[in-house]
Amino acid sequence: MNVTIRKIGNSEGIIIPKETLDRLGLKTGDSLELQMENGGITLKPADEDLSRQLEAARYFMDKYKVALKKLAE
């Protein structure tokens, strides 16, 4: 399937056909994960639970940096 990159405000974007969104169960406001692989772009639905868990882990590691460093010794 071919799509065209279009000007959207000060950025560029693509329009994903409704039938594709319906087939994937996606709707307006859903987050996608963009990955560059082998010279191409892959879009996948973002795992919101994983994103929240990683954010919590980063916060925890930053807050307890000294204690974690001591435990690692």
N, C-alpha and C. Protein backbone atom coordinates (compact mmCIF):
# COMPACT_ATOMS: atom_id res chain seq x y z
N MET A 1 0.85 -1.16 0.00
CA MET A 1 0.00 0.00 0.00
C MET A 1 0.90 1.23 0.00
N ASN A 2 0.63 2.16 -0.88
CA ASN A 2 1.40 3.40 -0.96
C ASN A 2 0.63 4.53 -0.29
N VAL A 3 1.35 5.36 0.46
CA VAL A 3 0.78 6.58 1.04
C VAL A 3 1.73 7.72 0.70
N THR A 4 1.23 8.93 0.76
CA THR A 4 2.02 10.11 0.42
C THR A 4 2.31 10.91 1.68
N ILE A 5 3.53 11.38 1.80
CA ILE A 5 3.89 12.25 2.92
C ILE A 5 3.31 13.63 2.61
N ARG A 6 2.57 14.18 3.58
CA ARG A 6 1.90 15.47 3.40
C ARG A 6 2.32 16.46 4.47
N LYS A 7 2.22 17.72 4.13
CA LYS A 7 2.51 18.80 5.07
C LYS A 7 1.34 18.90 6.05
N ILE A 8 1.64 18.86 7.36
CA ILE A 8 0.63 19.00 8.41
C ILE A 8 1.19 20.03 9.39
N GLY A 9 0.74 21.28 9.27
CA GLY A 9 1.30 22.34 10.11
C GLY A 9 2.76 22.55 9.77
N ASN A 10 3.63 22.51 10.79
CA ASN A 10 5.07 22.65 10.57
C ASN A 10 5.75 21.30 10.42
N SER A 11 4.97 20.23 10.38
CA SER A 11 5.53 18.88 10.29
C SER A 11 5.05 18.21 9.01
N GLU A 12 5.44 16.97 8.86
CA GLU A 12 4.95 16.14 7.77
C GLU A 12 4.32 14.90 8.37
N GLY A 13 3.41 14.30 7.65
CA GLY A 13 2.76 13.10 8.15
C GLY A 13 2.16 12.30 7.02
N ILE A 14 1.61 11.16 7.38
CA ILE A 14 0.91 10.32 6.40
C ILE A 14 -0.51 10.09 6.89
N ILE A 15 -1.40 9.81 5.97
CA ILE A 15 -2.77 9.46 6.31
C ILE A 15 -2.88 7.94 6.21
N ILE A 16 -3.29 7.32 7.30
CA ILE A 16 -3.48 5.86 7.30
C ILE A 16 -4.93 5.59 6.94
N PRO A 17 -5.17 4.81 5.90
CA PRO A 17 -6.54 4.54 5.47
C PRO A 17 -7.39 3.94 6.59
N LYS A 18 -8.67 4.33 6.64
CA LYS A 18 -9.59 3.87 7.67
C LYS A 18 -9.69 2.36 7.71
N GLU A 19 -9.72 1.71 6.54
CA GLU A 19 -9.83 0.24 6.52
C GLU A 19 -8.64 -0.42 7.21
N THR A 20 -7.46 0.18 7.09
CA THR A 20 -6.27 -0.36 7.76
C THR A 20 -6.41 -0.18 9.27
N LEU A 21 -6.84 1.01 9.69
CA LEU A 21 -7.03 1.25 11.13
C LEU A 21 -8.08 0.31 11.70
N ASP A 22 -9.18 0.12 10.98
CA ASP A 22 -10.24 -0.79 11.44
C ASP A 22 -9.71 -2.22 11.58
N ARG A 23 -8.95 -2.65 10.60
CA ARG A 23 -8.41 -4.02 10.61
C ARG A 23 -7.49 -4.24 11.81
N LEU A 24 -6.77 -3.18 12.21
CA LEU A 24 -5.83 -3.28 13.34
C LEU A 24 -6.47 -2.90 14.67
N GLY A 25 -7.73 -2.45 14.63
CA GLY A 25 -8.41 -2.07 15.86
C GLY A 25 -7.89 -0.77 16.44
N LEU A 26 -7.41 0.13 15.58
CA LEU A 26 -6.87 1.41 16.02
C LEU A 26 -7.87 2.52 15.78
N LYS A 27 -7.75 3.58 16.58
CA LYS A 27 -8.64 4.73 16.43
C LYS A 27 -7.87 6.01 16.73
N THR A 28 -8.50 7.14 16.46
CA THR A 28 -7.88 8.43 16.73
C THR A 28 -7.45 8.51 18.20
N GLY A 29 -6.23 8.97 18.41
CA GLY A 29 -5.71 9.11 19.77
C GLY A 29 -4.86 7.95 20.23
N ASP A 30 -4.92 6.81 19.54
CA ASP A 30 -4.08 5.67 19.91
C ASP A 30 -2.61 6.00 19.60
N SER A 31 -1.70 5.43 20.37
CA SER A 31 -0.26 5.65 20.18
C SER A 31 0.33 4.52 19.36
N LEU A 32 1.27 4.89 18.50
CA LEU A 32 2.00 3.91 17.71
C LEU A 32 3.48 4.03 18.03
N GLU A 33 4.16 2.91 17.95
CA GLU A 33 5.61 2.87 18.14
C GLU A 33 6.25 2.85 16.76
N LEU A 34 7.17 3.79 16.50
CA LEU A 34 7.85 3.87 15.21
C LEU A 34 9.25 3.30 15.37
N GLN A 35 9.60 2.36 14.49
CA GLN A 35 10.95 1.78 14.52
C GLN A 35 11.53 1.85 13.12
N MET A 36 12.83 2.16 13.06
CA MET A 36 13.53 2.14 11.77
C MET A 36 14.27 0.81 11.68
N GLU A 37 13.96 0.03 10.65
CA GLU A 37 14.56 -1.29 10.48
C GLU A 37 14.92 -1.51 9.02
N ASN A 38 16.14 -1.94 8.78
CA ASN A 38 16.57 -2.32 7.43
C ASN A 38 16.22 -1.27 6.38
N GLY A 39 16.43 0.00 6.70
CA GLY A 39 16.16 1.07 5.76
C GLY A 39 14.70 1.39 5.58
N GLY A 40 13.83 0.85 6.43
CA GLY A 40 12.40 1.12 6.35
C GLY A 40 11.84 1.53 7.69
N ILE A 41 10.56 1.82 7.70
CA ILE A 41 9.86 2.24 8.92
C ILE A 41 8.78 1.22 9.24
N THR A 42 8.72 0.83 10.51
CA THR A 42 7.67 -0.08 10.99
C THR A 42 6.87 0.65 12.05
N LEU A 43 5.54 0.61 11.94
CA LEU A 43 4.65 1.18 12.94
C LEU A 43 3.91 0.04 13.63
N LYS A 44 3.91 0.06 14.97
CA LYS A 44 3.18 -0.95 15.73
C LYS A 44 2.40 -0.25 16.84
N PRO A 45 1.25 -0.80 17.21
CA PRO A 45 0.55 -0.22 18.37
C PRO A 45 1.47 -0.22 19.58
N ALA A 46 1.51 0.91 20.29
CA ALA A 46 2.37 1.03 21.47
C ALA A 46 1.76 0.24 22.62
N ASP A 47 2.61 -0.40 23.38
CA ASP A 47 2.19 -1.15 24.56
C ASP A 47 2.17 -0.17 25.72
N GLU A 48 0.99 0.39 26.01
CA GLU A 48 0.87 1.42 27.04
C GLU A 48 1.29 0.91 28.42
N ASP A 49 0.95 -0.34 28.75
CA ASP A 49 1.34 -0.89 30.05
C ASP A 49 2.86 -0.92 30.18
N LEU A 50 3.53 -1.37 29.14
CA LEU A 50 4.99 -1.43 29.17
C LEU A 50 5.58 -0.04 29.30
N SER A 51 5.02 0.93 28.58
CA SER A 51 5.52 2.31 28.67
C SER A 51 5.41 2.84 30.09
N ARG A 52 4.27 2.60 30.74
CA ARG A 52 4.09 3.05 32.13
C ARG A 52 5.08 2.35 33.06
N GLN A 53 5.29 1.06 32.85
CA GLN A 53 6.21 0.31 33.70
C GLN A 53 7.63 0.81 33.53
N LEU A 54 8.04 1.09 32.30
CA LEU A 54 9.39 1.60 32.06
C LEU A 54 9.57 2.99 32.68
N GLU A 55 8.55 3.82 32.59
CA GLU A 55 8.62 5.14 33.20
C GLU A 55 8.77 5.02 34.71
N ALA A 56 8.01 4.11 35.33
CA ALA A 56 8.11 3.89 36.78
C ALA A 56 9.49 3.36 37.15
N ALA A 57 10.03 2.46 36.33
CA ALA A 57 11.36 1.90 36.60
C ALA A 57 12.44 2.98 36.52
N ARG A 58 12.33 3.86 35.52
CA ARG A 58 13.30 4.95 35.40
C ARG A 58 13.24 5.88 36.62
N TYR A 59 12.03 6.19 37.06
CA TYR A 59 11.86 7.04 38.24
C TYR A 59 12.49 6.38 39.47
N PHE A 60 12.20 5.09 39.66
CA PHE A 60 12.73 4.33 40.80
C PHE A 60 14.25 4.30 40.76
N MET A 61 14.82 4.00 39.58
CA MET A 61 16.27 3.91 39.46
C MET A 61 16.94 5.26 39.71
N ASP A 62 16.29 6.34 39.26
CA ASP A 62 16.86 7.67 39.49
C ASP A 62 16.78 8.03 40.97
N LYS A 63 15.65 7.74 41.60
CA LYS A 63 15.45 8.08 43.01
C LYS A 63 16.39 7.29 43.92
N TYR A 64 16.61 6.02 43.61
CA TYR A 64 17.43 5.15 44.47
C TYR A 64 18.76 4.79 43.82
N LYS A 65 19.31 5.73 43.05
CA LYS A 65 20.55 5.49 42.31
C LYS A 65 21.69 5.04 43.22
N VAL A 66 21.86 5.73 44.34
CA VAL A 66 22.97 5.42 45.25
C VAL A 66 22.80 4.03 45.86
N ALA A 67 21.61 3.70 46.32
CA ALA A 67 21.35 2.39 46.93
C ALA A 67 21.55 1.28 45.91
N LEU A 68 21.08 1.49 44.68
CA LEU A 68 21.25 0.46 43.64
C LEU A 68 22.73 0.27 43.29
N LYS A 69 23.48 1.35 43.30
CA LYS A 69 24.91 1.26 43.01
C LYS A 69 25.61 0.45 44.11
N LYS A 70 25.25 0.71 45.38
CA LYS A 70 25.85 -0.04 46.48
C LYS A 70 25.48 -1.52 46.40
N LEU A 71 24.24 -1.82 46.04
CA LEU A 71 23.83 -3.22 45.91
C LEU A 71 24.57 -3.94 44.80
N ALA A 72 24.94 -3.21 43.77
CA ALA A 72 25.64 -3.81 42.62
C ALA A 72 27.10 -4.13 42.93
N GLU A 73 27.65 -3.54 44.01
CA GLU A 73 29.06 -3.78 44.35
C GLU A 73 29.29 -5.14 44.95
